[in-house]
Every structure is written in C-alpha cells, then in structure tokens.
C-alpha atoms as a PDB file:
ATOM      1  CA  MET A   1     110.855 140.304  93.573  1.00  0.00           C
ATOM      2  CA  HIS A   2     108.888 143.627  92.093  1.00  0.00           C
ATOM      3  CA  VAL A   3     110.067 145.480  95.148  1.00  0.00           C
ATOM      4  CA  VAL A   4     113.470 144.629  94.642  1.00  0.00           C
ATOM      5  CA  VAL A   5     113.270 145.624  90.699  1.00  0.00           C
ATOM      6  CA  GLN A   6     111.762 149.006  91.738  1.00  0.00           C
ATOM      7  CA  ALA A   7     114.372 149.730  94.297  1.00  0.00           C
ATOM      8  CA  LEU A   8     117.092 148.943  91.805  1.00  0.00           C
ATOM      9  CA  ILE A   9     115.485 151.421  88.941  1.00  0.00           C
ATOM     10  CA  HIS A  10     115.043 154.255  91.515  1.00  0.00           C
ATOM     11  CA  GLN A  11     118.662 153.840  92.477  1.00  0.00           C
ATOM     12  CA  LEU A  12     119.710 154.203  88.816  1.00  0.00           C
ATOM     13  CA  VAL A  13     117.452 157.080  88.072  1.00  0.00           C
ATOM     14  CA  GLU A  14     118.779 158.811  91.289  1.00  0.00           C
ATOM     15  CA  LEU A  15     122.449 158.265  89.886  1.00  0.00           C
ATOM     16  CA  ILE A  16     121.556 159.774  86.825  1.00  0.00           C
ATOM     17  CA  VAL A  17     119.577 162.504  88.021  1.00  0.00           C
ATOM     18  CA  HIS A  18     122.243 163.680  90.810  1.00  0.00           C
ATOM     19  CA  ARG A  19     125.208 163.199  88.705  1.00  0.00           C
ATOM     20  CA  GLY A  20     123.801 165.490  86.084  1.00  0.00           C
ATOM     21  CA  LEU A  21     123.101 162.624  83.077  1.00  0.00           C
ATOM     22  CA  ALA A  22     119.641 163.342  82.899  1.00  0.00           C
ATOM     23  CA  THR A  23     119.873 167.057  81.700  1.00  0.00           C
ATOM     24  CA  GLY A  24     123.625 167.222  80.250  1.00  0.00           C
ATOM     25  CA  HIS A  25     124.865 169.618  82.824  1.00  0.00           C
ATOM     26  CA  LEU A  26     127.846 168.437  84.349  1.00  0.00           C
ATOM     27  CA  PRO A  27     130.133 170.446  86.972  1.00  0.00           C
ATOM     28  CA  VAL A  28     133.296 172.237  85.404  1.00  0.00           C
ATOM     29  CA  LEU A  29     135.813 169.761  86.256  1.00  0.00           C
ATOM     30  CA  ARG A  30     139.142 169.205  84.862  1.00  0.00           C
ATOM     31  CA  GLY A  31     139.524 166.425  82.017  1.00  0.00           C
ATOM     32  CA  GLU A  32     140.945 163.568  83.929  1.00  0.00           C
ATOM     33  CA  GLU A  33     138.724 164.228  86.822  1.00  0.00           C
ATOM     34  CA  ARG A  34     135.710 164.527  84.363  1.00  0.00           C
ATOM     35  CA  LEU A  35     136.802 161.364  82.685  1.00  0.00           C
ATOM     36  CA  SER A  36     137.268 159.370  85.978  1.00  0.00           C
ATOM     37  CA  ASN A  37     133.817 160.792  87.257  1.00  0.00           C
ATOM     38  CA  ARG A  38     132.287 159.501  84.092  1.00  0.00           C
ATOM     39  CA  LEU A  39     133.935 156.142  84.182  1.00  0.00           C
ATOM     40  CA  ALA A  40     132.679 155.559  87.805  1.00  0.00           C
ATOM     41  CA  LEU A  41     129.240 156.517  86.752  1.00  0.00           C
ATOM     42  CA  ARG A  42     129.465 154.013  84.152  1.00  0.00           C
ATOM     43  CA  ARG A  43     130.669 151.223  86.309  1.00  0.00           C
ATOM     44  CA  LYS A  44     127.875 151.990  88.797  1.00  0.00           C
ATOM     45  CA  GLY A  45     125.304 152.208  86.175  1.00  0.00           C
ATOM     46  CA  LEU A  46     126.640 148.745  84.832  1.00  0.00           C
ATOM     47  CA  GLU A  47     126.619 147.229  88.106  1.00  0.00           C
ATOM     48  CA  LEU A  48     123.049 148.555  88.717  1.00  0.00           C
ATOM     49  CA  VAL A  49     121.889 147.127  85.294  1.00  0.00           C
ATOM     50  CA  GLU A  50     123.657 143.694  86.154  1.00  0.00           C
ATOM     51  CA  SER A  51     121.935 143.673  89.289  1.00  0.00           C
ATOM     52  CA  LEU A  52     118.813 144.300  87.755  1.00  0.00           C
ATOM     53  CA  ARG A  53     119.086 141.394  85.090  1.00  0.00           C
ATOM     54  CA  ALA A  54     120.041 139.026  87.980  1.00  0.00           C
ATOM     55  CA  VAL A  55     116.859 140.057  89.576  1.00  0.00           C
ATOM     56  CA  ILE A  56     114.919 139.652  86.508  1.00  0.00           C
ATOM     57  CA  ASP A  57     116.507 136.286  85.961  1.00  0.00           C
ATOM     58  CA  ARG A  58     115.647 135.271  89.147  1.00  0.00           C
ATOM     59  CA  LYS A  59     111.989 136.543  89.049  1.00  0.00           C
ATOM     60  CA  ALA A  60     111.690 134.248  85.730  1.00  0.00           C
ATOM     61  CA  GLU A  61     113.071 131.293  87.315  1.00  0.00           C
ATOM     62  CA  ALA A  62     110.475 131.598  90.453  1.00  0.00           C
ATOM     63  CA  GLU A  63     107.682 132.105  87.853  1.00  0.00           C
ATOM     64  CA  ARG A  64     109.060 128.844  86.401  1.00  0.00           C
ATOM     65  CA  MET A  65     109.309 126.624  89.464  1.00  0.00           C
ATOM     66  CA  LEU A  66     105.950 127.937  90.386  1.00  0.00           C
ATOM     67  CA  GLU A  67     104.372 126.637  87.398  1.00  0.00           C
ATOM     68  CA  ILE A  68     106.187 123.344  87.818  1.00  0.00           C
ATOM     69  CA  ASP A  69     104.874 123.328  91.524  1.00  0.00           C
ATOM     70  CA  THR A  70     101.326 124.283  90.243  1.00  0.00           C
ATOM     71  CA  GLU A  71     101.298 121.272  87.740  1.00  0.00           C
ATOM     72  CA  GLN A  72     102.728 119.049  90.621  1.00  0.00           C
ATOM     73  CA  LEU A  73      99.899 120.247  92.817  1.00  0.00           C
ATOM     74  CA  LYS A  74      96.935 119.837  90.203  1.00  0.00           C
ATOM     75  CA  ARG A  75      98.303 115.985  89.842  1.00  0.00           C
ATOM     76  CA  LEU A  76      98.499 115.479  93.736  1.00  0.00           C
ATOM     77  CA  THR A  77      95.140 116.845  94.051  1.00  0.00           C
ATOM     78  CA  LYS A  78      93.912 114.689  90.949  1.00  0.00           C
ATOM     79  CA  ALA A  79      95.586 111.566  92.952  1.00  0.00           C
ATOM     80  CA  LEU A  80      93.970 112.620  95.975  1.00  0.00           C
ATOM     81  CA  ARG A  81      90.668 112.688  94.236  1.00  0.00           C
ATOM     82  CA  ASN A  82      91.080 109.207  92.740  1.00  0.00           C
ATOM     83  CA  ALA A  83      92.711 107.808  96.058  1.00  0.00           C
ATOM     84  CA  GLN A  84      89.285 109.357  97.962  1.00  0.00           C
ATOM     85  CA  ALA A  85      87.163 107.614  95.260  1.00  0.00           C
ATOM     86  CA  LEU A  86      88.925 104.273  95.639  1.00  0.00           C
ATOM     87  CA  ARG A  87      88.512 104.503  99.695  1.00  0.00           C
ATOM     88  CA  SER A  88      85.045 105.111  99.110  1.00  0.00           C
ATOM     89  CA  GLN A  89      84.597 102.399  96.593  1.00  0.00           C
ATOM     90  CA  GLY A  90      86.576  99.962  98.921  1.00  0.00           C
ATOM     91  CA  GLN A  91      84.074 101.037 102.031  1.00  0.00           C
ATOM     92  CA  ALA A  92      81.121 100.374  99.932  1.00  0.00           C
ATOM     93  CA  VAL A  93      82.609  96.659  99.034  1.00  0.00           C
ATOM     94  CA  ARG A  94      83.445  96.190 102.841  1.00  0.00           C
ATOM     95  CA  ASP A  95      79.970  97.053 103.632  1.00  0.00           C
ATOM     96  CA  ALA A  96      78.471  94.613 101.075  1.00  0.00           C
ATOM     97  CA  VAL A  97      80.954  91.984 102.160  1.00  0.00           C
ATOM     98  CA  ASP A  98      79.886  92.245 105.705  1.00  0.00           C
ATOM     99  CA  GLY A  99      76.180  92.593 104.811  1.00  0.00           C
ATOM    100  CA  VAL A 100      76.339  89.356 102.792  1.00  0.00           C
ATOM    101  CA  ARG A 101      78.410  87.755 105.671  1.00  0.00           C
ATOM    102  CA  SER A 102      75.964  88.779 108.204  1.00  0.00           C
ATOM    103  CA  ALA A 103      73.309  87.274 106.109  1.00  0.00           C
ATOM    104  CA  ILE A 104      75.121  84.107 105.706  1.00  0.00           C
ATOM    105  CA  ILE A 105      75.629  83.787 109.312  1.00  0.00           C
ATOM    106  CA  ARG A 106      71.871  84.317 110.115  1.00  0.00           C
ATOM    107  CA  ARG A 107      70.832  81.779 107.431  1.00  0.00           C
ATOM    108  CA  VAL A 108      73.521  79.150 108.576  1.00  0.00           C
ATOM    109  CA  PHE A 109      74.312  79.312 111.997  1.00  0.00           C
ATOM    110  CA  ASN A 110      70.778  79.376 113.445  1.00  0.00           C
ATOM    111  CA  ASN A 111      68.585  76.992 115.672  1.00  0.00           C
ATOM    112  CA  GLN A 112      68.026  74.535 112.862  1.00  0.00           C
ATOM    113  CA  LEU A 113      71.981  74.037 112.860  1.00  0.00           C
ATOM    114  CA  ASN A 114      72.292  73.934 116.743  1.00  0.00           C
ATOM    115  CA  ARG A 115      69.441  71.405 116.598  1.00  0.00           C
ATOM    116  CA  VAL A 116      71.137  69.028 114.279  1.00  0.00           C
ATOM    117  CA  TRP A 117      74.454  69.463 115.983  1.00  0.00           C
ATOM    118  CA  ARG A 118      73.230  68.797 119.125  1.00  0.00           C
ATOM    119  CA  ASP A 119      71.524  65.274 117.562  1.00  0.00           C
ATOM    120  CA  LEU A 120      74.779  64.235 116.271  1.00  0.00           C
ATOM    121  CA  PHE A 121      76.852  65.214 119.214  1.00  0.00           C
ATOM    122  CA  VAL A 122      74.672  63.257 121.794  1.00  0.00           C
ATOM    123  CA  ARG A 123      74.692  60.149 119.676  1.00  0.00           C
ATOM    124  CA  LEU A 124      78.645  60.122 119.578  1.00  0.00           C
ATOM    125  CA  ALA A 125      79.152  61.391 123.372  1.00  0.00           C
ATOM    126  CA  PRO A 126      76.196  60.393 125.099  1.00  0.00           C
ATOM    127  CA  SER A 127      77.632  60.681 128.538  1.00  0.00           C
ATOM    128  CA  GLU A 128      78.890  64.411 127.969  1.00  0.00           C
ATOM    129  CA  PRO A 129      76.523  66.827 129.978  1.00  0.00           C
ATOM    130  CA  PHE A 130      77.048  69.903 127.944  1.00  0.00           C
ATOM    131  CA  VAL A 131      76.606  70.071 124.225  1.00  0.00           C
ATOM    132  CA  PRO A 132      78.318  72.760 121.828  1.00  0.00           C
ATOM    133  CA  ALA A 133      75.981  75.214 120.235  1.00  0.00           C
ATOM    134  CA  PHE A 134      76.164  78.789 118.231  1.00  0.00           C
ATOM    135  CA  ARG A 135      74.754  81.758 119.810  1.00  0.00           C
ATOM    136  CA  ILE A 136      73.950  84.730 117.701  1.00  0.00           C
ATOM    137  CA  PRO A 137      73.648  88.412 118.831  1.00  0.00           C
ATOM    138  CA  GLU A 138      70.299  89.643 118.406  1.00  0.00           C
ATOM    139  CA  ALA A 139      71.131  93.355 117.757  1.00  0.00           C
ATOM    140  CA  GLU A 140      71.780  94.357 114.074  1.00  0.00           C
ATOM    141  CA  THR A 141      75.045  94.600 113.067  1.00  0.00           C
ATOM    142  CA  ARG A 142      77.122  94.277 109.934  1.00  0.00           C
ATOM    143  CA  GLN A 143      80.017  92.654 111.390  1.00  0.00           C
ATOM    144  CA  LEU A 144      77.969  89.730 113.068  1.00  0.00           C
ATOM    145  CA  GLN A 145      79.927  87.101 114.987  1.00  0.00           C
ATOM    146  CA  PRO A 146      78.882  84.099 115.756  1.00  0.00           C
ATOM    147  CA  LYS A 147      79.915  82.905 119.483  1.00  0.00           C
ATOM    148  CA  LEU A 148      80.581  79.222 120.467  1.00  0.00           C
ATOM    149  CA  ILE A 149      78.971  78.405 124.039  1.00  0.00           C
ATOM    150  CA  THR A 150      77.974  75.205 125.700  1.00  0.00           C
ATOM    151  CA  VAL A 151      74.592  74.342 127.045  1.00  0.00           C
ATOM    152  CA  ASP A 152      73.718  71.918 129.555  1.00  0.00           C
ATOM    153  CA  ARG A 153      71.542  69.346 127.834  1.00  0.00           C
ATOM    154  CA  ASP A 154      68.952  68.780 130.562  1.00  0.00           C
ATOM    155  CA  THR A 155      68.563  72.075 132.220  1.00  0.00           C
ATOM    156  CA  GLY A 156      69.475  74.067 128.587  1.00  0.00           C
ATOM    157  CA  GLU A 157      71.398  76.630 130.981  1.00  0.00           C
ATOM    158  CA  LEU A 158      74.361  78.069 129.723  1.00  0.00           C
ATOM    159  CA  GLY A 159      77.812  76.678 130.048  1.00  0.00           C
ATOM    160  CA  GLY A 160      81.341  77.910 129.345  1.00  0.00           C
ATOM    161  CA  THR A 161      83.345  77.935 126.177  1.00  0.00           C
ATOM    162  CA  PRO A 162      83.810  74.158 124.644  1.00  0.00           C
ATOM    163  CA  GLY A 163      87.424  74.690 125.283  1.00  0.00           C
ATOM    164  CA  ALA A 164      86.601  75.131 128.779  1.00  0.00           C
ATOM    165  CA  MET A 165      83.698  72.379 129.179  1.00  0.00           C
ATOM    166  CA  LEU A 166      84.472  69.718 126.766  1.00  0.00           C
ATOM    167  CA  SER A 167      87.496  67.069 126.763  1.00  0.00           C
ATOM    168  CA  ALA A 168      89.944  66.776 124.313  1.00  0.00           C
ATOM    169  CA  GLY A 169      88.158  63.968 122.925  1.00  0.00           C
ATOM    170  CA  ASN A 170      84.437  65.662 122.766  1.00  0.00           C
ATOM    171  CA  LEU A 171      86.148  68.725 121.517  1.00  0.00           C
ATOM    172  CA  ASN A 172      87.069  66.516 118.335  1.00  0.00           C
ATOM    173  CA  THR A 173      83.536  64.910 118.169  1.00  0.00           C
ATOM    174  CA  ALA A 174      82.203  68.470 118.484  1.00  0.00           C
ATOM    175  CA  ALA A 175      84.230  69.492 115.416  1.00  0.00           C
ATOM    176  CA  LEU A 176      83.333  66.218 113.497  1.00  0.00           C
ATOM    177  CA  THR A 177      79.529  66.566 114.272  1.00  0.00           C
ATOM    178  CA  LEU A 178      79.390  70.208 113.057  1.00  0.00           C
ATOM    179  CA  PHE A 179      81.120  69.190 109.921  1.00  0.00           C
ATOM    180  CA  ILE A 180      78.572  67.023 109.312  1.00  0.00           C
ATOM    181  CA  ALA A 181      75.826  69.141 110.569  1.00  0.00           C
ATOM    182  CA  LEU A 182      76.515  71.845 108.306  1.00  0.00           C
ATOM    183  CA  HIS A 183      76.653  69.433 105.652  1.00  0.00           C
ATOM    184  CA  LEU A 184      72.946  68.285 106.414  1.00  0.00           C
ATOM    185  CA  SER A 185      71.712  72.089 107.270  1.00  0.00           C
ATOM    186  CA  VAL A 186      73.020  73.906 104.109  1.00  0.00           C
ATOM    187  CA  SER A 187      72.219  73.802 100.496  1.00  0.00           C
ATOM    188  CA  GLU A 188      74.773  71.840  98.822  1.00  0.00           C
ATOM    189  CA  VAL A 189      77.259  73.285  96.414  1.00  0.00           C
ATOM    190  CA  LEU A 190      78.812  69.680  95.222  1.00  0.00           C
ATOM    191  CA  PRO A 191      77.167  66.497  96.203  1.00  0.00           C
ATOM    192  CA  TRP A 192      80.456  65.333  98.282  1.00  0.00           C
ATOM    193  CA  LEU A 193      80.976  64.773 101.851  1.00  0.00           C
ATOM    194  CA  ILE A 194      85.148  64.524 102.354  1.00  0.00           C
ATOM    195  CA  LEU A 195      86.433  63.481 105.699  1.00  0.00           C
ATOM    196  CA  ASP A 196      90.123  63.136 106.281  1.00  0.00           C
ATOM    197  CA  ASP A 197      90.831  60.658 108.519  1.00  0.00           C
ATOM    198  CA  PRO A 198      87.916  61.362 110.735  1.00  0.00           C
ATOM    199  CA  VAL A 199      88.392  57.987 113.213  1.00  0.00           C
ATOM    200  CA  GLN A 200      92.133  58.907 114.372  1.00  0.00           C
ATOM    201  CA  SER A 201      91.082  59.665 118.023  1.00  0.00           C
ATOM    202  CA  MET A 202      88.360  57.182 118.326  1.00  0.00           C
ATOM    203  CA  ASP A 203      88.486  53.578 119.908  1.00  0.00           C
ATOM    204  CA  ASP A 204      86.626  50.768 118.017  1.00  0.00           C
ATOM    205  CA  VAL A 205      83.149  51.610 120.097  1.00  0.00           C
ATOM    206  CA  HIS A 206      83.179  54.915 118.926  1.00  0.00           C
ATOM    207  CA  ILE A 207      84.358  54.137 115.123  1.00  0.00           C
ATOM    208  CA  ALA A 208      80.909  51.846 115.190  1.00  0.00           C
ATOM    209  CA  HIS A 209      78.700  54.646 116.450  1.00  0.00           C
ATOM    210  CA  PHE A 210      80.322  57.028 113.699  1.00  0.00           C
ATOM    211  CA  ALA A 211      79.882  54.589 111.251  1.00  0.00           C
ATOM    212  CA  ALA A 212      76.171  53.966 112.179  1.00  0.00           C
ATOM    213  CA  LEU A 213      76.007  57.787 112.228  1.00  0.00           C
ATOM    214  CA  LEU A 214      77.181  58.658 108.843  1.00  0.00           C
ATOM    215  CA  ARG A 215      75.037  55.744 107.258  1.00  0.00           C
ATOM    216  CA  THR A 216      71.798  57.047 109.066  1.00  0.00           C
ATOM    217  CA  SER A 217      72.493  60.734 108.228  1.00  0.00           C
ATOM    218  CA  LEU A 218      73.179  60.147 104.929  1.00  0.00           C
ATOM    219  CA  ARG A 219      70.449  57.746 104.129  1.00  0.00           C
ATOM    220  CA  ASN A 220      67.492  60.236 106.099  1.00  0.00           C
ATOM    221  CA  THR A 221      68.867  63.394 104.034  1.00  0.00           C
ATOM    222  CA  ALA A 222      65.763  64.252 102.179  1.00  0.00           C
ATOM    223  CA  GLY A 223      66.266  65.391  98.646  1.00  0.00           C
ATOM    224  CA  LYS A 224      69.787  65.189  98.546  1.00  0.00           C
ATOM    225  CA  SER A 225      72.162  62.537  97.019  1.00  0.00           C
ATOM    226  CA  SER A 226      75.473  62.645  98.452  1.00  0.00           C
ATOM    227  CA  SER A 227      78.677  60.754  97.901  1.00  0.00           C
ATOM    228  CA  LEU A 228      81.020  60.081 100.961  1.00  0.00           C
ATOM    229  CA  CYS A 229      84.789  59.919 100.605  1.00  0.00           C
ATOM    230  CA  THR A 230      86.940  59.610 103.439  1.00  0.00           C
ATOM    231  CA  THR A 231      90.717  58.644 104.173  1.00  0.00           C
ATOM    232  CA  VAL A 232      92.074  56.460 107.069  1.00  0.00           C
ATOM    233  CA  ASN A 233      95.221  56.097 108.624  1.00  0.00           C
ATOM    234  CA  PHE A 234      95.454  52.220 109.545  1.00  0.00           C
ATOM    235  CA  LEU A 235      98.226  52.830 112.070  1.00  0.00           C
ATOM    236  CA  SER A 236      95.904  54.636 114.202  1.00  0.00           C
ATOM    237  CA  ILE A 237      92.989  52.015 114.012  1.00  0.00           C
END
C-alpha cells in the first residue's frame, strides 16, 4: 500500500517538474494552446489526486479490517485456550473415573465373589460340569475390564465363555445367582433384594431349590438385615 502511494506522489511531482509548474516557467505558447495545456495538466493532477485518495481510503479500510481480524484472532485464541483447559479437565475427570471404576472392580469382582457365586450356582445347577466366574487381569491399567469365563468344577481348568459352555437354562441360573452373590458380597446401600419374576424359566423342583437358597442365604448373612421383594407371573408357573 505504501509503495502505491509513493508511486502516485512521484508521478504527481514528476508531472509538475517536467511541465514547469514547479518553477513557474512555461514554454512560450499561444493563449489557447497554453490554456489547453494547463487544463490537461489540471485534469491529470486531479486524476492523480483522486487515485491517491482512493489508495488512502483502501489503506484505511485495510487497517480497519486488520483491526477487526486482530480482535477476532484474540477471541479465537482465548476460546482455544478455554477449550484446551476444558479438555484437560475432562481428561482428568476421565482418569479419575477410570481409577475409581478399576478400584471398584478389584474390590467387588474378586475371588470372594467367585466363591459365593460358585456355591450358589452349584446348588441350583448340581449337574452342570462348568461354573461361571470372573477373571480380573493382573496388569495394572486404568481401564480395567473383568472377563466372564467358566471353570471346570472338578479340575479347575478354564473353559470357554458362559454363552458357549452353559445351556440357556443355566445361563439364567448364572445371572440370577450372580445377582444374589453381589448382594451378599458387597456392602449394601439399601437393605432390599428385589427380584422380578425370577422363577419364570424354572420347573417346580428348581423353584423349590431356589426358595430354599434364598431362605438360607438371607438367614446366614451375618450383620445384615435384608428385605426380599419379588414379583411372580403366575402364568409361567
């Protein structure tokens, strides 16, 4: 922009000098020709002045847009810093949640839970050769994930997943006994055990075993006073 202004000024000065306006000495010309020459010089000077004004106006507009862009850049930079701070806070919260989750998994899904789950499952499925269990990775990691497995009840050898090793009926039994095992293994928040139609897939023998299991389990829960609430669909009995 400064280069353009300087070029216009140079042209204007050159026009004045070369035409004799700077010293006041003009070639000897006839009156009409002199007047015509003066008018031409005046028009040329006015054109240069208008060009210079246009350049100055464009320069002012460019400076105004630069100021606007500078303010916008400041706002965007501030927003970026805020976003980065929020991201760091979110990552910290995520790390804290993963840490708490891993601690809960290690505290709850442990060998004690497996023992209680095994005892309950065997009582309801005495002929099933495999029992379900949880296996917790030994490696320390924030995103700890317990893995469902089955174990041979006699040899202790690992089997496949419960879905592959257990029948449909025993899968229901595994889910139901896990629910009760969690209730017995973890410190309770509310003294209630709520079951929604737990006998819908059981025959009379299994219903009797399940009722005896509930009575025994709740009676032998040391230091706990639990209330059992259950719903039953009589059409399934």
